[in-house]
């Protein structure tokens, strides 16, 4: 399931931020991809909408990479 989530995140970043899809990995940090704090917040909000979940604020503070975002979405879906 996390792989499916990762692929949706990568596709979203690729289209909305015009990032090269091949540069987006599970280990990619938002910062390394050139996202500022506002971009990161917008991405998480888009993901919450896409997956119809709410990530708890405590988890949001720890999300710094694409993999962590995928895990946060998965935890919210399982809750």
Protein backbone atom coordinates (compact mmCIF):
# COMPACT_ATOMS: atom_id res chain seq x y z
CA UNK A 1 0.00 0.00 0.00
CA UNK A 2 2.81 2.42 0.80
CA UNK A 3 4.18 1.95 -2.74
CA UNK A 4 0.83 3.03 -4.22
CA UNK A 5 0.81 6.06 -1.92
CA UNK A 6 4.38 6.91 -2.90
CA UNK A 7 3.49 6.74 -6.60
CA UNK A 8 0.56 9.13 -6.09
CA UNK A 9 2.79 11.53 -4.15
CA UNK A 10 5.44 11.40 -6.88
CA UNK A 11 2.85 12.00 -9.60
CA UNK A 12 1.38 14.93 -7.67
CA UNK A 13 4.80 16.52 -7.16
CA UNK A 14 5.76 15.92 -10.75
CA UNK A 15 2.66 17.61 -12.10
CA UNK A 16 2.08 20.42 -9.59
CA UNK A 17 5.69 21.42 -8.98
CA UNK A 18 6.99 20.39 -12.40
CA UNK A 19 9.63 18.14 -10.88
CA UNK A 20 11.36 15.43 -12.87
CA UNK A 21 9.62 12.21 -11.73
CA UNK A 22 12.91 10.30 -11.86
CA UNK A 23 14.40 12.57 -9.18
CA UNK A 24 11.65 11.75 -6.68
CA UNK A 25 12.50 8.84 -4.40
CA UNK A 26 11.23 7.60 -1.05
CA UNK A 27 14.32 9.12 0.56
CA UNK A 28 13.91 12.53 -1.12
CA UNK A 29 13.46 15.32 1.38
CA UNK A 30 11.12 18.17 0.62
CA UNK A 31 14.08 20.52 0.92
CA UNK A 32 16.22 18.53 -1.54
CA UNK A 33 13.37 18.70 -4.04
CA UNK A 34 13.32 22.49 -3.71
CA UNK A 35 10.10 22.71 -1.70
CA UNK A 36 9.87 25.46 0.87
CA UNK A 37 7.71 25.24 4.00
CA UNK A 38 4.63 26.60 2.20
CA UNK A 39 5.08 24.08 -0.63
CA UNK A 40 5.31 21.29 1.95
CA UNK A 41 2.12 22.41 3.68
CA UNK A 42 0.31 22.63 0.34
CA UNK A 43 1.55 19.16 -0.62
CA UNK A 44 0.31 17.62 2.63
CA UNK A 45 -3.06 19.36 2.23
CA UNK A 46 -3.33 18.05 -1.34
CA UNK A 47 -2.48 14.54 -0.14
CA UNK A 48 -5.04 14.70 2.65
CA UNK A 49 -7.65 15.67 0.03
CA UNK A 50 -6.48 13.00 -2.42
CA UNK A 51 -6.66 10.21 0.18
CA UNK A 52 -9.57 11.68 2.18
CA UNK A 53 -7.64 11.57 5.47
CA UNK A 54 -6.39 13.96 8.12
CA UNK A 55 -2.83 13.59 9.35
CA UNK A 56 -2.57 14.50 13.05
CA UNK A 57 -0.58 17.68 13.74
CA UNK A 58 1.96 15.76 15.81
CA UNK A 59 2.74 13.60 12.76
CA UNK A 60 2.91 16.61 10.43
CA UNK A 61 5.85 18.04 12.36
CA UNK A 62 7.91 14.91 11.66
CA UNK A 63 7.25 14.62 7.92
CA UNK A 64 10.37 15.76 6.09
CA UNK A 65 10.69 13.18 3.30
CA UNK A 66 8.48 11.62 0.66
CA UNK A 67 8.67 8.28 2.47
CA UNK A 68 7.58 9.87 5.74
CA UNK A 69 4.66 11.51 3.94
CA UNK A 70 3.62 8.13 2.51
CA UNK A 71 3.85 6.54 5.97
CA UNK A 72 1.82 9.39 7.49
CA UNK A 73 -0.91 8.89 4.88
CA UNK A 74 -0.91 5.14 5.48
CA UNK A 75 -1.22 5.60 9.28
CA UNK A 76 -4.09 8.05 8.77
CA UNK A 77 -5.85 5.60 6.45
CA UNK A 78 -5.43 2.78 8.98
CA UNK A 79 -6.76 4.87 11.87
